[in-house]
Amino acid sequence: MSDVKTDTAKVFWSGRSQAVRLPKEYRFDTDEVTIRREGGTVVLEPVKQEADEWAWLDTLEPFDDDMVKAALDRPQDFGPGRRDADIKFPE
């Protein structure tokens, strides 16, 4: 016997779209979900939000003063002020 919990949800019409009223314990913490069929099963999954893609930045340690100085002192070899004559391409 399966240990998967099952509940019942109401299916209704909202305008010309069919909708499902999810019980509280099944609510999503997102504005969008992806939907797909797997055989006779319909699977809903939260869409990964952009903020989640950048969440790893919160795990970085702050840059130390030496790193900031090295980055600021580095000669810029690209960008809006570059001169094409300064760029060397392999032949």
PDB file of N, CA and C in Angstrom:
ATOM      1  N   MET A   1       0.843  -1.188   0.000  1.00  0.00           N
ATOM      2  CA  MET A   1       0.000   0.000   0.000  1.00  0.00           C
ATOM      3  C   MET A   1       0.883   1.245   0.000  1.00  0.00           C
ATOM      4  N   SER A   2       0.487   2.249  -0.722  1.00  0.00           N
ATOM      5  CA  SER A   2       1.266   3.473  -0.865  1.00  0.00           C
ATOM      6  C   SER A   2       1.121   4.379   0.357  1.00  0.00           C
ATOM      7  N   ASP A   3       2.234   5.060   0.726  1.00  0.00           N
ATOM      8  CA  ASP A   3       2.209   6.013   1.829  1.00  0.00           C
ATOM      9  C   ASP A   3       1.902   7.429   1.350  1.00  0.00           C
ATOM     10  N   VAL A   4       1.561   7.585   0.080  1.00  0.00           N
ATOM     11  CA  VAL A   4       1.258   8.894  -0.480  1.00  0.00           C
ATOM     12  C   VAL A   4      -0.101   9.353   0.022  1.00  0.00           C
ATOM     13  N   LYS A   5      -0.125  10.581   0.591  1.00  0.00           N
ATOM     14  CA  LYS A   5      -1.377  11.150   1.096  1.00  0.00           C
ATOM     15  C   LYS A   5      -2.208  11.630  -0.091  1.00  0.00           C
ATOM     16  N   THR A   6      -3.483  11.351  -0.061  1.00  0.00           N
ATOM     17  CA  THR A   6      -4.376  11.862  -1.096  1.00  0.00           C
ATOM     18  C   THR A   6      -5.525  12.610  -0.442  1.00  0.00           C
ATOM     19  N   ASP A   7      -5.955  13.658  -1.100  1.00  0.00           N
ATOM     20  CA  ASP A   7      -7.095  14.460  -0.671  1.00  0.00           C
ATOM     21  C   ASP A   7      -7.958  14.720  -1.892  1.00  0.00           C
ATOM     22  N   THR A   8      -9.061  15.392  -1.677  1.00  0.00           N
ATOM     23  CA  THR A   8      -9.966  15.749  -2.761  1.00  0.00           C
ATOM     24  C   THR A   8      -9.987  17.259  -2.911  1.00  0.00           C
ATOM     25  N   ALA A   9     -10.009  17.735  -4.154  1.00  0.00           N
ATOM     26  CA  ALA A   9     -10.096  19.163  -4.433  1.00  0.00           C
ATOM     27  C   ALA A   9     -11.268  19.397  -5.381  1.00  0.00           C
ATOM     28  N   LYS A  10     -11.858  20.555  -5.289  1.00  0.00           N
ATOM     29  CA  LYS A  10     -12.991  20.919  -6.141  1.00  0.00           C
ATOM     30  C   LYS A  10     -12.507  21.430  -7.490  1.00  0.00           C
ATOM     31  N   VAL A  11     -13.148  20.972  -8.553  1.00  0.00           N
ATOM     32  CA  VAL A  11     -12.900  21.445  -9.908  1.00  0.00           C
ATOM     33  C   VAL A  11     -14.070  22.349 -10.273  1.00  0.00           C
ATOM     34  N   PHE A  12     -13.759  23.511 -10.855  1.00  0.00           N
ATOM     35  CA  PHE A  12     -14.823  24.451 -11.221  1.00  0.00           C
ATOM     36  C   PHE A  12     -14.399  25.234 -12.450  1.00  0.00           C
ATOM     37  N   TRP A  13     -15.317  26.007 -12.973  1.00  0.00           N
ATOM     38  CA  TRP A  13     -15.040  26.844 -14.139  1.00  0.00           C
ATOM     39  C   TRP A  13     -14.869  28.288 -13.703  1.00  0.00           C
ATOM     40  N   SER A  14     -13.854  28.935 -14.259  1.00  0.00           N
ATOM     41  CA  SER A  14     -13.610  30.356 -14.044  1.00  0.00           C
ATOM     42  C   SER A  14     -13.564  30.982 -15.431  1.00  0.00           C
ATOM     43  N   GLY A  15     -14.673  31.596 -15.832  1.00  0.00           N
ATOM     44  CA  GLY A  15     -14.775  32.067 -17.216  1.00  0.00           C
ATOM     45  C   GLY A  15     -14.787  30.858 -18.132  1.00  0.00           C
ATOM     46  N   ARG A  16     -13.863  30.825 -19.097  1.00  0.00           N
ATOM     47  CA  ARG A  16     -13.778  29.688 -20.026  1.00  0.00           C
ATOM     48  C   ARG A  16     -12.658  28.719 -19.644  1.00  0.00           C
ATOM     49  N   SER A  17     -12.071  28.900 -18.459  1.00  0.00           N
ATOM     50  CA  SER A  17     -10.983  28.030 -18.014  1.00  0.00           C
ATOM     51  C   SER A  17     -11.432  27.146 -16.866  1.00  0.00           C
ATOM     52  N   GLN A  18     -10.943  25.935 -16.872  1.00  0.00           N
ATOM     53  CA  GLN A  18     -11.212  25.033 -15.763  1.00  0.00           C
ATOM     54  C   GLN A  18     -10.163  25.297 -14.684  1.00  0.00           C
ATOM     55  N   ALA A  19     -10.578  25.264 -13.429  1.00  0.00           N
ATOM     56  CA  ALA A  19      -9.675  25.549 -12.315  1.00  0.00           C
ATOM     57  C   ALA A  19      -9.881  24.523 -11.211  1.00  0.00           C
ATOM     58  N   VAL A  20      -8.890  24.431 -10.333  1.00  0.00           N
ATOM     59  CA  VAL A  20      -8.955  23.526  -9.194  1.00  0.00           C
ATOM     60  C   VAL A  20      -8.699  24.346  -7.946  1.00  0.00           C
ATOM     61  N   ARG A  21      -9.563  24.196  -6.968  1.00  0.00           N
ATOM     62  CA  ARG A  21      -9.376  24.885  -5.685  1.00  0.00           C
ATOM     63  C   ARG A  21      -8.536  23.966  -4.799  1.00  0.00           C
ATOM     64  N   LEU A  22      -7.273  24.361  -4.574  1.00  0.00           N
ATOM     65  CA  LEU A  22      -6.362  23.521  -3.807  1.00  0.00           C
ATOM     66  C   LEU A  22      -6.608  23.659  -2.308  1.00  0.00           C
ATOM     67  N   PRO A  23      -6.606  22.557  -1.573  1.00  0.00           N
ATOM     68  CA  PRO A  23      -6.686  22.645  -0.116  1.00  0.00           C
ATOM     69  C   PRO A  23      -5.460  23.401   0.425  1.00  0.00           C
ATOM     70  N   LYS A  24      -5.601  23.987   1.586  1.00  0.00           N
ATOM     71  CA  LYS A  24      -4.573  24.840   2.185  1.00  0.00           C
ATOM     72  C   LYS A  24      -3.192  24.187   2.193  1.00  0.00           C
ATOM     73  N   GLU A  25      -3.125  22.912   2.542  1.00  0.00           N
ATOM     74  CA  GLU A  25      -1.815  22.249   2.654  1.00  0.00           C
ATOM     75  C   GLU A  25      -1.151  21.976   1.302  1.00  0.00           C
ATOM     76  N   TYR A  26      -1.836  22.278   0.198  1.00  0.00           N
ATOM     77  CA  TYR A  26      -1.273  22.076  -1.134  1.00  0.00           C
ATOM     78  C   TYR A  26      -0.979  23.403  -1.842  1.00  0.00           C
ATOM     79  N   ARG A  27      -1.161  24.508  -1.160  1.00  0.00           N
ATOM     80  CA  ARG A  27      -0.960  25.813  -1.796  1.00  0.00           C
ATOM     81  C   ARG A  27       0.490  26.000  -2.221  1.00  0.00           C
ATOM     82  N   PHE A  28       0.657  26.768  -3.290  1.00  0.00           N
ATOM     83  CA  PHE A  28       1.980  27.100  -3.813  1.00  0.00           C
ATOM     84  C   PHE A  28       2.407  28.458  -3.279  1.00  0.00           C
ATOM     85  N   ASP A  29       3.708  28.622  -3.076  1.00  0.00           N
ATOM     86  CA  ASP A  29       4.268  29.905  -2.668  1.00  0.00           C
ATOM     87  C   ASP A  29       4.892  30.576  -3.899  1.00  0.00           C
ATOM     88  N   THR A  30       4.098  30.671  -4.963  1.00  0.00           N
ATOM     89  CA  THR A  30       4.559  31.242  -6.219  1.00  0.00           C
ATOM     90  C   THR A  30       3.346  31.702  -7.021  1.00  0.00           C
ATOM     91  N   ASP A  31       3.581  32.528  -8.020  1.00  0.00           N
ATOM     92  CA  ASP A  31       2.492  33.018  -8.867  1.00  0.00           C
ATOM     93  C   ASP A  31       2.241  32.127 -10.074  1.00  0.00           C
ATOM     94  N   GLU A  32       3.207  31.271 -10.422  1.00  0.00           N
ATOM     95  CA  GLU A  32       3.070  30.422 -11.604  1.00  0.00           C
ATOM     96  C   GLU A  32       3.510  28.998 -11.288  1.00  0.00           C
ATOM     97  N   VAL A  33       2.915  28.059 -12.020  1.00  0.00           N
ATOM     98  CA  VAL A  33       3.330  26.657 -11.941  1.00  0.00           C
ATOM     99  C   VAL A  33       3.503  26.127 -13.351  1.00  0.00           C
ATOM    100  N   THR A  34       4.360  25.129 -13.501  1.00  0.00           N
ATOM    101  CA  THR A  34       4.424  24.410 -14.764  1.00  0.00           C
ATOM    102  C   THR A  34       3.432  23.261 -14.658  1.00  0.00           C
ATOM    103  N   ILE A  35       2.923  22.821 -15.794  1.00  0.00           N
ATOM    104  CA  ILE A  35       1.940  21.737 -15.806  1.00  0.00           C
ATOM    105  C   ILE A  35       2.326  20.749 -16.897  1.00  0.00           C
ATOM    106  N   ARG A  36       2.214  19.463 -16.588  1.00  0.00           N
ATOM    107  CA  ARG A  36       2.504  18.429 -17.578  1.00  0.00           C
ATOM    108  C   ARG A  36       1.711  17.176 -17.238  1.00  0.00           C
ATOM    109  N   ARG A  37       1.552  16.342 -18.244  1.00  0.00           N
ATOM    110  CA  ARG A  37       0.887  15.048 -18.045  1.00  0.00           C
ATOM    111  C   ARG A  37       1.945  13.960 -17.980  1.00  0.00           C
ATOM    112  N   GLU A  38       1.751  13.045 -17.066  1.00  0.00           N
ATOM    113  CA  GLU A  38       2.558  11.830 -16.982  1.00  0.00           C
ATOM    114  C   GLU A  38       1.570  10.683 -16.973  1.00  0.00           C
ATOM    115  N   GLY A  39       1.295  10.159 -18.166  1.00  0.00           N
ATOM    116  CA  GLY A  39       0.253   9.148 -18.298  1.00  0.00           C
ATOM    117  C   GLY A  39      -1.092   9.786 -17.978  1.00  0.00           C
ATOM    118  N   GLY A  40      -1.829   9.227 -17.016  1.00  0.00           N
ATOM    119  CA  GLY A  40      -3.113   9.785 -16.624  1.00  0.00           C
ATOM    120  C   GLY A  40      -3.008  10.798 -15.488  1.00  0.00           C
ATOM    121  N   THR A  41      -1.789  11.131 -15.081  1.00  0.00           N
ATOM    122  CA  THR A  41      -1.572  12.047 -13.960  1.00  0.00           C
ATOM    123  C   THR A  41      -1.221  13.432 -14.468  1.00  0.00           C
ATOM    124  N   VAL A  42      -1.768  14.462 -13.832  1.00  0.00           N
ATOM    125  CA  VAL A  42      -1.408  15.846 -14.128  1.00  0.00           C
ATOM    126  C   VAL A  42      -0.506  16.330 -12.994  1.00  0.00           C
ATOM    127  N   VAL A  43       0.669  16.845 -13.354  1.00  0.00           N
ATOM    128  CA  VAL A  43       1.654  17.280 -12.360  1.00  0.00           C
ATOM    129  C   VAL A  43       1.795  18.794 -12.426  1.00  0.00           C
ATOM    130  N   LEU A  44       1.666  19.455 -11.282  1.00  0.00           N
ATOM    131  CA  LEU A  44       1.896  20.892 -11.156  1.00  0.00           C
ATOM    132  C   LEU A  44       3.155  21.091 -10.326  1.00  0.00           C
ATOM    133  N   GLU A  45       4.055  21.960 -10.801  1.00  0.00           N
ATOM    134  CA  GLU A  45       5.270  22.267 -10.044  1.00  0.00           C
ATOM    135  C   GLU A  45       5.493  23.765 -10.070  1.00  0.00           C
ATOM    136  N   PRO A  46       5.972  24.341  -8.963  1.00  0.00           N
ATOM    137  CA  PRO A  46       6.211  25.786  -8.940  1.00  0.00           C
ATOM    138  C   PRO A  46       7.272  26.175  -9.959  1.00  0.00           C
ATOM    139  N   VAL A  47       7.048  27.313 -10.612  1.00  0.00           N
ATOM    140  CA  VAL A  47       8.043  27.857 -11.533  1.00  0.00           C
ATOM    141  C   VAL A  47       9.130  28.482 -10.672  1.00  0.00           C
ATOM    142  N   LYS A  48      10.378  28.177 -11.015  1.00  0.00           N
ATOM    143  CA  LYS A  48      11.495  28.744 -10.269  1.00  0.00           C
ATOM    144  C   LYS A  48      11.534  30.246 -10.534  1.00  0.00           C
ATOM    145  N   GLN A  49      11.450  31.009  -9.486  1.00  0.00           N
ATOM    146  CA  GLN A  49      11.449  32.461  -9.606  1.00  0.00           C
ATOM    147  C   GLN A  49      12.866  32.981  -9.830  1.00  0.00           C
ATOM    148  N   GLU A  50      12.991  34.116 -10.530  1.00  0.00           N
ATOM    149  CA  GLU A  50      14.304  34.696 -10.801  1.00  0.00           C
ATOM    150  C   GLU A  50      15.084  34.942  -9.528  1.00  0.00           C
ATOM    151  N   ALA A  51      14.421  35.367  -8.489  1.00  0.00           N
ATOM    152  CA  ALA A  51      15.118  35.635  -7.234  1.00  0.00           C
ATOM    153  C   ALA A  51      15.827  34.379  -6.748  1.00  0.00           C
ATOM    154  N   ASP A  52      15.228  33.205  -6.967  1.00  0.00           N
ATOM    155  CA  ASP A  52      15.851  31.951  -6.551  1.00  0.00           C
ATOM    156  C   ASP A  52      17.141  31.689  -7.328  1.00  0.00           C
ATOM    157  N   GLU A  53      17.191  32.099  -8.578  1.00  0.00           N
ATOM    158  CA  GLU A  53      18.380  31.879  -9.390  1.00  0.00           C
ATOM    159  C   GLU A  53      19.572  32.656  -8.857  1.00  0.00           C
ATOM    160  N   TRP A  54      19.321  33.738  -8.170  1.00  0.00           N
ATOM    161  CA  TRP A  54      20.399  34.571  -7.642  1.00  0.00           C
ATOM    162  C   TRP A  54      20.571  34.418  -6.138  1.00  0.00           C
ATOM    163  N   ALA A  55      19.836  33.512  -5.520  1.00  0.00           N
ATOM    164  CA  ALA A  55      19.910  33.333  -4.066  1.00  0.00           C
ATOM    165  C   ALA A  55      21.308  32.948  -3.610  1.00  0.00           C
ATOM    166  N   TRP A  56      22.070  32.272  -4.458  1.00  0.00           N
ATOM    167  CA  TRP A  56      23.427  31.866  -4.080  1.00  0.00           C
ATOM    168  C   TRP A  56      24.305  33.071  -3.769  1.00  0.00           C
ATOM    169  N   LEU A  57      23.978  34.251  -4.309  1.00  0.00           N
ATOM    170  CA  LEU A  57      24.775  35.444  -4.013  1.00  0.00           C
ATOM    171  C   LEU A  57      24.768  35.773  -2.521  1.00  0.00           C
ATOM    172  N   ASP A  58      23.674  35.437  -1.845  1.00  0.00           N
ATOM    173  CA  ASP A  58      23.585  35.701  -0.413  1.00  0.00           C
ATOM    174  C   ASP A  58      24.567  34.860   0.390  1.00  0.00           C
ATOM    175  N   THR A  59      25.085  33.798  -0.213  1.00  0.00           N
ATOM    176  CA  THR A  59      26.014  32.921   0.503  1.00  0.00           C
ATOM    177  C   THR A  59      27.459  33.381   0.383  1.00  0.00           C
ATOM    178  N   LEU A  60      27.742  34.367  -0.487  1.00  0.00           N
ATOM    179  CA  LEU A  60      29.109  34.837  -0.680  1.00  0.00           C
ATOM    180  C   LEU A  60      29.576  35.677   0.497  1.00  0.00           C
ATOM    181  N   GLU A  61      30.849  35.543   0.794  1.00  0.00           N
ATOM    182  CA  GLU A  61      31.466  36.401   1.811  1.00  0.00           C
ATOM    183  C   GLU A  61      31.731  37.766   1.178  1.00  0.00           C
ATOM    184  N   PRO A  62      31.759  38.828   1.989  1.00  0.00           N
ATOM    185  CA  PRO A  62      32.077  40.147   1.421  1.00  0.00           C
ATOM    186  C   PRO A  62      33.503  40.155   0.859  1.00  0.00           C
ATOM    187  N   PHE A  63      33.728  40.948  -0.179  1.00  0.00           N
ATOM    188  CA  PHE A  63      35.075  41.072  -0.730  1.00  0.00           C
ATOM    189  C   PHE A  63      35.958  41.805   0.258  1.00  0.00           C
ATOM    190  N   ASP A  64      37.212  41.353   0.377  1.00  0.00           N
ATOM    191  CA  ASP A  64      38.122  42.073   1.265  1.00  0.00           C
ATOM    192  C   ASP A  64      38.693  43.271   0.515  1.00  0.00           C
ATOM    193  N   ASP A  65      39.331  44.192   1.247  1.00  0.00           N
ATOM    194  CA  ASP A  65      39.827  45.435   0.653  1.00  0.00           C
ATOM    195  C   ASP A  65      40.844  45.193  -0.450  1.00  0.00           C
ATOM    196  N   ASP A  66      41.701  44.168  -0.295  1.00  0.00           N
ATOM    197  CA  ASP A  66      42.717  43.885  -1.319  1.00  0.00           C
ATOM    198  C   ASP A  66      42.056  43.467  -2.639  1.00  0.00           C
ATOM    199  N   MET A  67      40.991  42.669  -2.550  1.00  0.00           N
ATOM    200  CA  MET A  67      40.312  42.222  -3.766  1.00  0.00           C
ATOM    201  C   MET A  67      39.638  43.400  -4.476  1.00  0.00           C
ATOM    202  N   VAL A  68      38.998  44.272  -3.713  1.00  0.00           N
ATOM    203  CA  VAL A  68      38.338  45.445  -4.296  1.00  0.00           C
ATOM    204  C   VAL A  68      39.372  46.338  -4.965  1.00  0.00           C
ATOM    205  N   LYS A  69      40.502  46.586  -4.287  1.00  0.00           N
ATOM    206  CA  LYS A  69      41.555  47.428  -4.857  1.00  0.00           C
ATOM    207  C   LYS A  69      42.094  46.813  -6.145  1.00  0.00           C
ATOM    208  N   ALA A  70      42.340  45.506  -6.153  1.00  0.00           N
ATOM    209  CA  ALA A  70      42.858  44.838  -7.360  1.00  0.00           C
ATOM    210  C   ALA A  70      41.872  44.972  -8.513  1.00  0.00           C
ATOM    211  N   ALA A  71      40.585  44.835  -8.241  1.00  0.00           N
ATOM    212  CA  ALA A  71      39.579  44.946  -9.299  1.00  0.00           C
ATOM    213  C   ALA A  71      39.508  46.367  -9.840  1.00  0.00           C
ATOM    214  N   LEU A  72      39.605  47.352  -8.949  1.00  0.00           N
ATOM    215  CA  LEU A  72      39.521  48.747  -9.386  1.00  0.00           C
ATOM    216  C   LEU A  72      40.776  49.201 -10.105  1.00  0.00           C
ATOM    217  N   ASP A  73      41.939  48.640  -9.735  1.00  0.00           N
ATOM    218  CA  ASP A  73      43.202  49.035 -10.360  1.00  0.00           C
ATOM    219  C   ASP A  73      43.464  48.312 -11.674  1.00  0.00           C
ATOM    220  N   ARG A  74      42.684  47.294 -11.983  1.00  0.00           N
ATOM    221  CA  ARG A  74      42.883  46.490 -13.193  1.00  0.00           C
ATOM    222  C   ARG A  74      42.620  47.337 -14.422  1.00  0.00           C
ATOM    223  N   PRO A  75      43.534  47.311 -15.388  1.00  0.00           N
ATOM    224  CA  PRO A  75      43.267  48.071 -16.619  1.00  0.00           C
ATOM    225  C   PRO A  75      42.052  47.497 -17.340  1.00  0.00           C
ATOM    226  N   GLN A  76      41.228  48.363 -17.823  1.00  0.00           N
ATOM    227  CA  GLN A  76      40.021  47.933 -18.540  1.00  0.00           C
ATOM    228  C   GLN A  76      40.382  47.694 -19.999  1.00  0.00           C
ATOM    229  N   ASP A  77      40.191  46.459 -20.476  1.00  0.00           N
ATOM    230  CA  ASP A  77      40.516  46.145 -21.865  1.00  0.00           C
ATOM    231  C   ASP A  77      39.265  45.960 -22.721  1.00  0.00           C
ATOM    232  N   PHE A  78      38.131  46.370 -22.181  1.00  0.00           N
ATOM    233  CA  PHE A  78      36.889  46.295 -22.943  1.00  0.00           C
ATOM    234  C   PHE A  78      35.922  47.312 -22.355  1.00  0.00           C
ATOM    235  N   GLY A  79      34.863  47.571 -23.070  1.00  0.00           N
ATOM    236  CA  GLY A  79      33.848  48.498 -22.576  1.00  0.00           C
ATOM    237  C   GLY A  79      33.625  49.624 -23.544  1.00  0.00           C
ATOM    238  N   PRO A  80      32.736  50.531 -23.195  1.00  0.00           N
ATOM    239  CA  PRO A  80      32.333  51.591 -24.116  1.00  0.00           C
ATOM    240  C   PRO A  80      33.472  52.522 -24.518  1.00  0.00           C
ATOM    241  N   GLY A  81      34.490  52.696 -23.662  1.00  0.00           N
ATOM    242  CA  GLY A  81      35.565  53.632 -23.976  1.00  0.00           C
ATOM    243  C   GLY A  81      36.748  53.000 -24.685  1.00  0.00           C
ATOM    244  N   ARG A  82      36.650  51.749 -25.072  1.00  0.00           N
ATOM    245  CA  ARG A  82      37.798  51.078 -25.676  1.00  0.00           C
ATOM    246  C   ARG A  82      38.087  51.630 -27.065  1.00  0.00           C
ATOM    247  N   ARG A  83      39.337  51.480 -27.450  1.00  0.00           N
ATOM    248  CA  ARG A  83      39.733  51.847 -28.813  1.00  0.00           C
ATOM    249  C   ARG A  83      40.030  50.555 -29.545  1.00  0.00           C
ATOM    250  N   ASP A  84      39.446  50.379 -30.700  1.00  0.00           N
ATOM    251  CA  ASP A  84      39.643  49.145 -31.471  1.00  0.00           C
ATOM    252  C   ASP A  84      41.106  48.845 -31.738  1.00  0.00           C
ATOM    253  N   ALA A  85      41.945  49.908 -31.834  1.00  0.00           N
ATOM    254  CA  ALA A  85      43.370  49.703 -32.082  1.00  0.00           C
ATOM    255  C   ALA A  85      44.032  49.014 -30.916  1.00  0.00           C
ATOM    256  N   ASP A  86      43.451  49.094 -29.722  1.00  0.00           N
ATOM    257  CA  ASP A  86      44.028  48.478 -28.528  1.00  0.00           C
ATOM    258  C   ASP A  86      43.722  46.975 -28.442  1.00  0.00           C
ATOM    259  N   ILE A  87      42.817  46.477 -29.288  1.00  0.00           N
ATOM    260  CA  ILE A  87      42.414  45.081 -29.209  1.00  0.00           C
ATOM    261  C   ILE A  87      43.246  44.293 -30.232  1.00  0.00           C
ATOM    262  N   LYS A  88      43.889  43.240 -29.750  1.00  0.00           N
ATOM    263  CA  LYS A  88      44.715  42.392 -30.626  1.00  0.00           C
ATOM    264  C   LYS A  88      43.988  41.067 -30.833  1.00  0.00           C
ATOM    265  N   PHE A  89      43.709  40.729 -32.074  1.00  0.00           N
ATOM    266  CA  PHE A  89      43.053  39.471 -32.416  1.00  0.00           C
ATOM    267  C   PHE A  89      44.099  38.497 -32.955  1.00  0.00           C
ATOM    268  N   PRO A  90      43.980  37.221 -32.623  1.00  0.00           N
ATOM    269  CA  PRO A  90      44.904  36.237 -33.204  1.00  0.00           C
ATOM    270  C   PRO A  90      44.698  36.151 -34.719  1.00  0.00           C
ATOM    271  N   GLU A  91      45.791  35.928 -35.409  1.00  0.00           N
ATOM    272  CA  GLU A  91      45.699  35.828 -36.885  1.00  0.00           C
ATOM    273  C   GLU A  91      45.630  34.412 -37.326  1.00  0.00           C
TER     274      GLU A  91
END
